[in-house]
PDB file of N, CA and C in Angstrom:
ATOM      1  N   MET A   1      -5.107 -15.450  21.675  1.00  0.00           N
ATOM      2  CA  MET A   1      -6.361 -15.176  20.999  1.00  0.00           C
ATOM      3  C   MET A   1      -7.374 -14.656  22.027  1.00  0.00           C
ATOM      4  N   GLU A   2      -8.015 -13.553  21.656  1.00  0.00           N
ATOM      5  CA  GLU A   2      -9.005 -12.978  22.552  1.00  0.00           C
ATOM      6  C   GLU A   2     -10.175 -13.947  22.736  1.00  0.00           C
ATOM      7  N   LEU A   3     -10.689 -14.024  23.925  1.00  0.00           N
ATOM      8  CA  LEU A   3     -11.805 -14.893  24.326  1.00  0.00           C
ATOM      9  C   LEU A   3     -11.433 -16.374  24.354  1.00  0.00           C
ATOM     10  N   GLN A   4     -10.133 -16.695  24.286  1.00  0.00           N
ATOM     11  CA  GLN A   4      -9.705 -18.096  24.343  1.00  0.00           C
ATOM     12  C   GLN A   4     -10.113 -18.744  25.670  1.00  0.00           C
ATOM     13  N   GLU A   5      -9.947 -18.004  26.751  1.00  0.00           N
ATOM     14  CA  GLU A   5     -10.325 -18.530  28.071  1.00  0.00           C
ATOM     15  C   GLU A   5     -11.812 -18.859  28.100  1.00  0.00           C
ATOM     16  N   GLU A   6     -12.630 -17.979  27.546  1.00  0.00           N
ATOM     17  CA  GLU A   6     -14.087 -18.182  27.528  1.00  0.00           C
ATOM     18  C   GLU A   6     -14.463 -19.367  26.640  1.00  0.00           C
ATOM     19  N   LEU A   7     -13.816 -19.487  25.498  1.00  0.00           N
ATOM     20  CA  LEU A   7     -14.107 -20.614  24.602  1.00  0.00           C
ATOM     21  C   LEU A   7     -13.742 -21.949  25.246  1.00  0.00           C
ATOM     22  N   GLU A   8     -12.598 -21.988  25.902  1.00  0.00           N
ATOM     23  CA  GLU A   8     -12.177 -23.214  26.589  1.00  0.00           C
ATOM     24  C   GLU A   8     -13.145 -23.557  27.720  1.00  0.00           C
ATOM     25  N   TYR A   9     -13.577 -22.556  28.451  1.00  0.00           N
ATOM     26  CA  TYR A   9     -14.533 -22.793  29.528  1.00  0.00           C
ATOM     27  C   TYR A   9     -15.859 -23.306  28.966  1.00  0.00           C
ATOM     28  N   PHE A  10     -16.327 -22.698  27.886  1.00  0.00           N
ATOM     29  CA  PHE A  10     -17.564 -23.156  27.246  1.00  0.00           C
ATOM     30  C   PHE A  10     -17.451 -24.638  26.895  1.00  0.00           C
ATOM     31  N   GLU A  11     -16.349 -25.023  26.267  1.00  0.00           N
ATOM     32  CA  GLU A  11     -16.165 -26.429  25.883  1.00  0.00           C
ATOM     33  C   GLU A  11     -16.149 -27.348  27.106  1.00  0.00           C
ATOM     34  N   SER A  12     -15.606 -26.874  28.219  1.00  0.00           N
ATOM     35  CA  SER A  12     -15.525 -27.709  29.427  1.00  0.00           C
ATOM     36  C   SER A  12     -16.897 -27.935  30.074  1.00  0.00           C
ATOM     37  N   ILE A  13     -17.852 -27.039  29.830  1.00  0.00           N
ATOM     38  CA  ILE A  13     -19.191 -27.185  30.433  1.00  0.00           C
ATOM     39  C   ILE A  13     -20.270 -27.479  29.393  1.00  0.00           C
ATOM     40  N   LYS A  14     -19.858 -27.707  28.166  1.00  0.00           N
ATOM     41  CA  LYS A  14     -20.814 -27.860  27.064  1.00  0.00           C
ATOM     42  C   LYS A  14     -21.798 -29.004  27.286  1.00  0.00           C
ATOM     43  N   ASP A  15     -21.327 -30.144  27.768  1.00  0.00           N
ATOM     44  CA  ASP A  15     -22.236 -31.282  27.981  1.00  0.00           C
ATOM     45  C   ASP A  15     -23.354 -30.928  28.951  1.00  0.00           C
ATOM     46  N   ASP A  16     -23.008 -30.260  30.032  1.00  0.00           N
ATOM     47  CA  ASP A  16     -24.021 -29.851  31.005  1.00  0.00           C
ATOM     48  C   ASP A  16     -24.970 -28.816  30.404  1.00  0.00           C
ATOM     49  N   LEU A  17     -24.413 -27.880  29.658  1.00  0.00           N
ATOM     50  CA  LEU A  17     -25.259 -26.874  29.005  1.00  0.00           C
ATOM     51  C   LEU A  17     -26.245 -27.538  28.040  1.00  0.00           C
ATOM     52  N   LEU A  18     -25.777 -28.521  27.289  1.00  0.00           N
ATOM     53  CA  LEU A  18     -26.662 -29.210  26.347  1.00  0.00           C
ATOM     54  C   LEU A  18     -27.809 -29.926  27.070  1.00  0.00           C
ATOM     55  N   LYS A  19     -27.540 -30.452  28.243  1.00  0.00           N
ATOM     56  CA  LYS A  19     -28.584 -31.144  29.016  1.00  0.00           C
ATOM     57  C   LYS A  19     -29.655 -30.184  29.518  1.00  0.00           C
ATOM     58  N   HIS A  20     -29.242 -28.980  29.916  1.00  0.00           N
ATOM     59  CA  HIS A  20     -30.164 -28.082  30.610  1.00  0.00           C
ATOM     60  C   HIS A  20     -30.513 -26.789  29.869  1.00  0.00           C
ATOM     61  N   HIS A  21     -29.740 -26.450  28.840  1.00  0.00           N
ATOM     62  CA  HIS A  21     -29.937 -25.141  28.188  1.00  0.00           C
ATOM     63  C   HIS A  21     -29.822 -25.210  26.662  1.00  0.00           C
ATOM     64  N   ARG A  22     -30.133 -26.346  26.099  1.00  0.00           N
ATOM     65  CA  ARG A  22     -30.025 -26.523  24.644  1.00  0.00           C
ATOM     66  C   ARG A  22     -30.820 -25.449  23.900  1.00  0.00           C
ATOM     67  N   ASN A  23     -30.217 -24.946  22.815  1.00  0.00           N
ATOM     68  CA  ASN A  23     -30.815 -23.935  21.932  1.00  0.00           C
ATOM     69  C   ASN A  23     -30.968 -22.553  22.577  1.00  0.00           C
ATOM     70  N   LYS A  24     -30.261 -22.329  23.670  1.00  0.00           N
ATOM     71  CA  LYS A  24     -30.206 -20.998  24.260  1.00  0.00           C
ATOM     72  C   LYS A  24     -28.843 -20.395  23.953  1.00  0.00           C
ATOM     73  N   PHE A  25     -28.591 -19.204  24.462  1.00  0.00           N
ATOM     74  CA  PHE A  25     -27.319 -18.516  24.240  1.00  0.00           C
ATOM     75  C   PHE A  25     -26.630 -18.329  25.582  1.00  0.00           C
ATOM     76  N   ALA A  26     -25.422 -18.860  25.690  1.00  0.00           N
ATOM     77  CA  ALA A  26     -24.654 -18.766  26.926  1.00  0.00           C
ATOM     78  C   ALA A  26     -23.823 -17.486  26.917  1.00  0.00           C
ATOM     79  N   LEU A  27     -23.893 -16.749  28.002  1.00  0.00           N
ATOM     80  CA  LEU A  27     -23.068 -15.554  28.203  1.00  0.00           C
ATOM     81  C   LEU A  27     -21.964 -15.939  29.177  1.00  0.00           C
ATOM     82  N   ILE A  28     -20.712 -15.826  28.700  1.00  0.00           N
ATOM     83  CA  ILE A  28     -19.563 -16.244  29.496  1.00  0.00           C
ATOM     84  C   ILE A  28     -18.544 -15.117  29.543  1.00  0.00           C
ATOM     85  N   LYS A  29     -18.037 -14.880  30.745  1.00  0.00           N
ATOM     86  CA  LYS A  29     -16.958 -13.905  30.959  1.00  0.00           C
ATOM     87  C   LYS A  29     -15.918 -14.585  31.834  1.00  0.00           C
ATOM     88  N   GLY A  30     -14.696 -14.689  31.325  1.00  0.00           N
ATOM     89  CA  GLY A  30     -13.664 -15.421  32.057  1.00  0.00           C
ATOM     90  C   GLY A  30     -14.072 -16.882  32.156  1.00  0.00           C
ATOM     91  N   GLN A  31     -13.990 -17.427  33.342  1.00  0.00           N
ATOM     92  CA  GLN A  31     -14.434 -18.802  33.565  1.00  0.00           C
ATOM     93  C   GLN A  31     -15.723 -18.811  34.382  1.00  0.00           C
ATOM     94  N   GLN A  32     -16.642 -17.957  33.956  1.00  0.00           N
ATOM     95  CA  GLN A  32     -17.929 -17.854  34.638  1.00  0.00           C
ATOM     96  C   GLN A  32     -19.055 -17.868  33.624  1.00  0.00           C
ATOM     97  N   LEU A  33     -19.988 -18.786  33.804  1.00  0.00           N
ATOM     98  CA  LEU A  33     -21.230 -18.760  33.038  1.00  0.00           C
ATOM     99  C   LEU A  33     -22.129 -17.759  33.744  1.00  0.00           C
ATOM    100  N   VAL A  34     -22.369 -16.639  33.092  1.00  0.00           N
ATOM    101  CA  VAL A  34     -23.200 -15.599  33.688  1.00  0.00           C
ATOM    102  C   VAL A  34     -24.644 -16.070  33.727  1.00  0.00           C
ATOM    103  N   ASP A  35     -25.149 -16.536  32.576  1.00  0.00           N
ATOM    104  CA  ASP A  35     -26.518 -17.041  32.470  1.00  0.00           C
ATOM    105  C   ASP A  35     -26.730 -17.518  31.042  1.00  0.00           C
ATOM    106  N   THR A  36     -27.893 -18.082  30.785  1.00  0.00           N
ATOM    107  CA  THR A  36     -28.281 -18.421  29.421  1.00  0.00           C
ATOM    108  C   THR A  36     -29.540 -17.634  29.082  1.00  0.00           C
ATOM    109  N   TYR A  37     -29.706 -17.339  27.788  1.00  0.00           N
ATOM    110  CA  TYR A  37     -30.785 -16.469  27.331  1.00  0.00           C
ATOM    111  C   TYR A  37     -31.462 -17.075  26.107  1.00  0.00           C
ATOM    112  N   THR A  38     -32.691 -16.700  25.900  1.00  0.00           N
ATOM    113  CA  THR A  38     -33.473 -17.213  24.781  1.00  0.00           C
ATOM    114  C   THR A  38     -32.969 -16.668  23.449  1.00  0.00           C
ATOM    115  N   THR A  39     -32.533 -15.410  23.425  1.00  0.00           N
ATOM    116  CA  THR A  39     -32.054 -14.806  22.181  1.00  0.00           C
ATOM    117  C   THR A  39     -30.654 -14.245  22.364  1.00  0.00           C
ATOM    118  N   TRP A  40     -29.969 -14.079  21.229  1.00  0.00           N
ATOM    119  CA  TRP A  40     -28.643 -13.472  21.245  1.00  0.00           C
ATOM    120  C   TRP A  40     -28.723 -12.048  21.769  1.00  0.00           C
ATOM    121  N   GLU A  41     -29.755 -11.332  21.361  1.00  0.00           N
ATOM    122  CA  GLU A  41     -29.918  -9.939  21.778  1.00  0.00           C
ATOM    123  C   GLU A  41     -30.052  -9.812  23.294  1.00  0.00           C
ATOM    124  N   GLU A  42     -30.810 -10.717  23.915  1.00  0.00           N
ATOM    125  CA  GLU A  42     -30.944 -10.696  25.376  1.00  0.00           C
ATOM    126  C   GLU A  42     -29.589 -10.915  26.041  1.00  0.00           C
ATOM    127  N   ALA A  43     -28.824 -11.868  25.523  1.00  0.00           N
ATOM    128  CA  ALA A  43     -27.499 -12.150  26.082  1.00  0.00           C
ATOM    129  C   ALA A  43     -26.572 -10.949  25.901  1.00  0.00           C
ATOM    130  N   PHE A  44     -26.607 -10.334  24.730  1.00  0.00           N
ATOM    131  CA  PHE A  44     -25.766  -9.171  24.456  1.00  0.00           C
ATOM    132  C   PHE A  44     -26.099  -8.017  25.397  1.00  0.00           C
ATOM    133  N   ASN A  45     -27.379  -7.713  25.530  1.00  0.00           N
ATOM    134  CA  ASN A  45     -27.794  -6.615  26.410  1.00  0.00           C
ATOM    135  C   ASN A  45     -27.399  -6.889  27.857  1.00  0.00           C
ATOM    136  N   ALA A  46     -27.536  -8.129  28.299  1.00  0.00           N
ATOM    137  CA  ALA A  46     -27.135  -8.481  29.663  1.00  0.00           C
ATOM    138  C   ALA A  46     -25.627  -8.317  29.838  1.00  0.00           C
ATOM    139  N   GLY A  47     -24.851  -8.706  28.824  1.00  0.00           N
ATOM    140  CA  GLY A  47     -23.401  -8.555  28.886  1.00  0.00           C
ATOM    141  C   GLY A  47     -22.986  -7.098  28.949  1.00  0.00           C
ATOM    142  N   ILE A  48     -23.607  -6.270  28.134  1.00  0.00           N
ATOM    143  CA  ILE A  48     -23.302  -4.828  28.143  1.00  0.00           C
ATOM    144  C   ILE A  48     -23.691  -4.207  29.480  1.00  0.00           C
ATOM    145  N   ASP A  49     -24.863  -4.564  29.985  1.00  0.00           N
ATOM    146  CA  ASP A  49     -25.312  -4.015  31.275  1.00  0.00           C
ATOM    147  C   ASP A  49     -24.370  -4.405  32.406  1.00  0.00           C
ATOM    148  N   ARG A  50     -23.892  -5.639  32.379  1.00  0.00           N
ATOM    149  CA  ARG A  50     -23.077  -6.137  33.481  1.00  0.00           C
ATOM    150  C   ARG A  50     -21.596  -5.753  33.370  1.00  0.00           C
ATOM    151  N   PHE A  51     -21.053  -5.828  32.145  1.00  0.00           N
ATOM    152  CA  PHE A  51     -19.611  -5.655  31.974  1.00  0.00           C
ATOM    153  C   PHE A  51     -19.212  -4.383  31.230  1.00  0.00           C
ATOM    154  N   GLY A  52     -20.153  -3.764  30.544  1.00  0.00           N
ATOM    155  CA  GLY A  52     -19.810  -2.606  29.724  1.00  0.00           C
ATOM    156  C   GLY A  52     -19.302  -3.053  28.363  1.00  0.00           C
ATOM    157  N   ASN A  53     -18.669  -2.138  27.672  1.00  0.00           N
ATOM    158  CA  ASN A  53     -18.206  -2.392  26.309  1.00  0.00           C
ATOM    159  C   ASN A  53     -16.824  -3.036  26.324  1.00  0.00           C
ATOM    160  N   VAL A  54     -16.781  -4.283  26.782  1.00  0.00           N
ATOM    161  CA  VAL A  54     -15.554  -5.080  26.816  1.00  0.00           C
ATOM    162  C   VAL A  54     -15.871  -6.444  26.202  1.00  0.00           C
ATOM    163  N   PRO A  55     -14.845  -7.209  25.817  1.00  0.00           N
ATOM    164  CA  PRO A  55     -15.111  -8.526  25.236  1.00  0.00           C
ATOM    165  C   PRO A  55     -15.745  -9.487  26.243  1.00  0.00           C
ATOM    166  N   PHE A  56     -16.762 -10.184  25.780  1.00  0.00           N
ATOM    167  CA  PHE A  56     -17.362 -11.312  26.497  1.00  0.00           C
ATOM    168  C   PHE A  56     -17.896 -12.247  25.433  1.00  0.00           C
ATOM    169  N   LEU A  57     -18.126 -13.490  25.815  1.00  0.00           N
ATOM    170  CA  LEU A  57     -18.525 -14.512  24.842  1.00  0.00           C
ATOM    171  C   LEU A  57     -20.019 -14.785  24.925  1.00  0.00           C
ATOM    172  N   ILE A  58     -20.659 -14.792  23.765  1.00  0.00           N
ATOM    173  CA  ILE A  58     -22.034 -15.265  23.639  1.00  0.00           C
ATOM    174  C   ILE A  58     -21.975 -16.417  22.656  1.00  0.00           C
ATOM    175  N   LYS A  59     -22.364 -17.596  23.107  1.00  0.00           N
ATOM    176  CA  LYS A  59     -22.233 -18.794  22.277  1.00  0.00           C
ATOM    177  C   LYS A  59     -23.541 -19.571  22.300  1.00  0.00           C
ATOM    178  N   PRO A  60     -24.048 -19.952  21.120  1.00  0.00           N
ATOM    179  CA  PRO A  60     -25.250 -20.778  21.098  1.00  0.00           C
ATOM    180  C   PRO A  60     -24.950 -22.160  21.668  1.00  0.00           C
ATOM    181  N   VAL A  61     -25.872 -22.669  22.458  1.00  0.00           N
ATOM    182  CA  VAL A  61     -25.714 -23.988  23.052  1.00  0.00           C
ATOM    183  C   VAL A  61     -26.331 -24.996  22.084  1.00  0.00           C
ATOM    184  N   GLN A  62     -25.478 -25.565  21.237  1.00  0.00           N
ATOM    185  CA  GLN A  62     -25.895 -26.515  20.212  1.00  0.00           C
ATOM    186  C   GLN A  62     -24.887 -27.645  20.142  1.00  0.00           C
ATOM    187  N   GLU A  63     -25.351 -28.779  19.640  1.00  0.00           N
ATOM    188  CA  GLU A  63     -24.482 -29.941  19.491  1.00  0.00           C
ATOM    189  C   GLU A  63     -23.288 -29.617  18.590  1.00  0.00           C
ATOM    190  N   LYS A  64     -23.571 -29.025  17.440  1.00  0.00           N
ATOM    191  CA  LYS A  64     -22.518 -28.683  16.480  1.00  0.00           C
ATOM    192  C   LYS A  64     -22.399 -27.172  16.371  1.00  0.00           C
ATOM    193  N   ASP A  65     -21.174 -26.715  16.175  1.00  0.00           N
ATOM    194  CA  ASP A  65     -20.941 -25.293  15.960  1.00  0.00           C
ATOM    195  C   ASP A  65     -21.339 -24.974  14.529  1.00  0.00           C
ATOM    196  N   GLU A  66     -22.290 -24.086  14.359  1.00  0.00           N
ATOM    197  CA  GLU A  66     -22.781 -23.758  13.033  1.00  0.00           C
ATOM    198  C   GLU A  66     -22.296 -22.388  12.583  1.00  0.00           C
ATOM    199  N   SER A  67     -21.062 -22.075  12.925  1.00  0.00           N
ATOM    200  CA  SER A  67     -20.487 -20.803  12.499  1.00  0.00           C
ATOM    201  C   SER A  67     -20.398 -20.772  10.984  1.00  0.00           C
ATOM    202  N   ALA A  68     -20.751 -19.648  10.429  1.00  0.00           N
ATOM    203  CA  ALA A  68     -20.670 -19.482   8.981  1.00  0.00           C
ATOM    204  C   ALA A  68     -19.378 -18.778   8.625  1.00  0.00           C
ATOM    205  N   GLN A  69     -18.750 -19.236   7.571  1.00  0.00           N
ATOM    206  CA  GLN A  69     -17.552 -18.591   7.081  1.00  0.00           C
ATOM    207  C   GLN A  69     -17.757 -18.296   5.608  1.00  0.00           C
ATOM    208  N   TYR A  70     -17.493 -17.058   5.236  1.00  0.00           N
ATOM    209  CA  TYR A  70     -17.662 -16.635   3.858  1.00  0.00           C
ATOM    210  C   TYR A  70     -16.370 -16.003   3.370  1.00  0.00           C
ATOM    211  N   PRO A  71     -15.841 -16.491   2.258  1.00  0.00           N
ATOM    212  CA  PRO A  71     -14.666 -15.814   1.713  1.00  0.00           C
ATOM    213  C   PRO A  71     -14.981 -14.343   1.439  1.00  0.00           C
ATOM    214  N   ALA A  72     -14.040 -13.474   1.721  1.00  0.00           N
ATOM    215  CA  ALA A  72     -14.261 -12.030   1.610  1.00  0.00           C
ATOM    216  C   ALA A  72     -14.715 -11.612   0.222  1.00  0.00           C
ATOM    217  N   PHE A  73     -14.190 -12.271  -0.829  1.00  0.00           N
ATOM    218  CA  PHE A  73     -14.579 -11.848  -2.169  1.00  0.00           C
ATOM    219  C   PHE A  73     -16.025 -12.194  -2.489  1.00  0.00           C
ATOM    220  N   LEU A  74     -16.605 -13.217  -1.827  1.00  0.00           N
ATOM    221  CA  LEU A  74     -18.008 -13.573  -2.078  1.00  0.00           C
ATOM    222  C   LEU A  74     -18.965 -12.542  -1.527  1.00  0.00           C
ATOM    223  N   VAL A  75     -18.583 -11.872  -0.476  1.00  0.00           N
ATOM    224  CA  VAL A  75     -19.477 -10.872   0.120  1.00  0.00           C
ATOM    225  C   VAL A  75     -19.105  -9.456  -0.294  1.00  0.00           C
ATOM    226  N   GLY A  76     -18.174  -9.340  -1.225  1.00  0.00           N
ATOM    227  CA  GLY A  76     -17.820  -8.031  -1.774  1.00  0.00           C
ATOM    228  C   GLY A  76     -16.839  -7.237  -0.945  1.00  0.00           C
ATOM    229  N   ALA A  77     -16.218  -7.851   0.057  1.00  0.00           N
ATOM    230  CA  ALA A  77     -15.265  -7.123   0.882  1.00  0.00           C
ATOM    231  C   ALA A  77     -13.976  -6.828   0.124  1.00  0.00           C
ATOM    232  N   ILE A  78     -13.636  -7.699  -0.823  1.00  0.00           N
ATOM    233  CA  ILE A  78     -12.485  -7.470  -1.700  1.00  0.00           C
ATOM    234  C   ILE A  78     -12.908  -7.837  -3.101  1.00  0.00           C
ATOM    235  N   SER A  79     -12.163  -7.350  -4.074  1.00  0.00           N
ATOM    236  CA  SER A  79     -12.462  -7.725  -5.465  1.00  0.00           C
ATOM    237  C   SER A  79     -11.331  -8.585  -5.995  1.00  0.00           C
ATOM    238  N   VAL A  80     -11.678  -9.401  -6.941  1.00  0.00           N
ATOM    239  CA  VAL A  80     -10.696 -10.294  -7.548  1.00  0.00           C
ATOM    240  C   VAL A  80     -10.542  -9.865  -9.011  1.00  0.00           C
ATOM    241  N   ASN A  81      -9.607  -8.964  -9.246  1.00  0.00           N
ATOM    242  CA  ASN A  81      -9.340  -8.466 -10.596  1.00  0.00           C
ATOM    243  C   ASN A  81      -7.933  -8.880 -10.996  1.00  0.00           C
ATOM    244  N   PRO A  82      -7.812  -9.513 -12.175  1.00  0.00           N
ATOM    245  CA  PRO A  82      -6.451  -9.935 -12.605  1.00  0.00           C
ATOM    246  C   PRO A  82      -5.580  -8.759 -12.969  1.00  0.00           C
TER     247      PRO A  82
END
């Protein structure tokens, strides 16, 4: 899975991030925390400037992962016709 290394690294440093960078956005490439940013956009721009158009992880530093998941048919990506 792409970004698996970054996700595992994030989880390994999450407690420290929560102590010092809660509610910010962590920019991670490989097993390196590049920095934390106030907004997702700041983190994204920093990632593009530093690494170019390649995969890198931007993850909110929060106690719980609040990722949203929407079934494709609810957002109109597919139709459900019998």
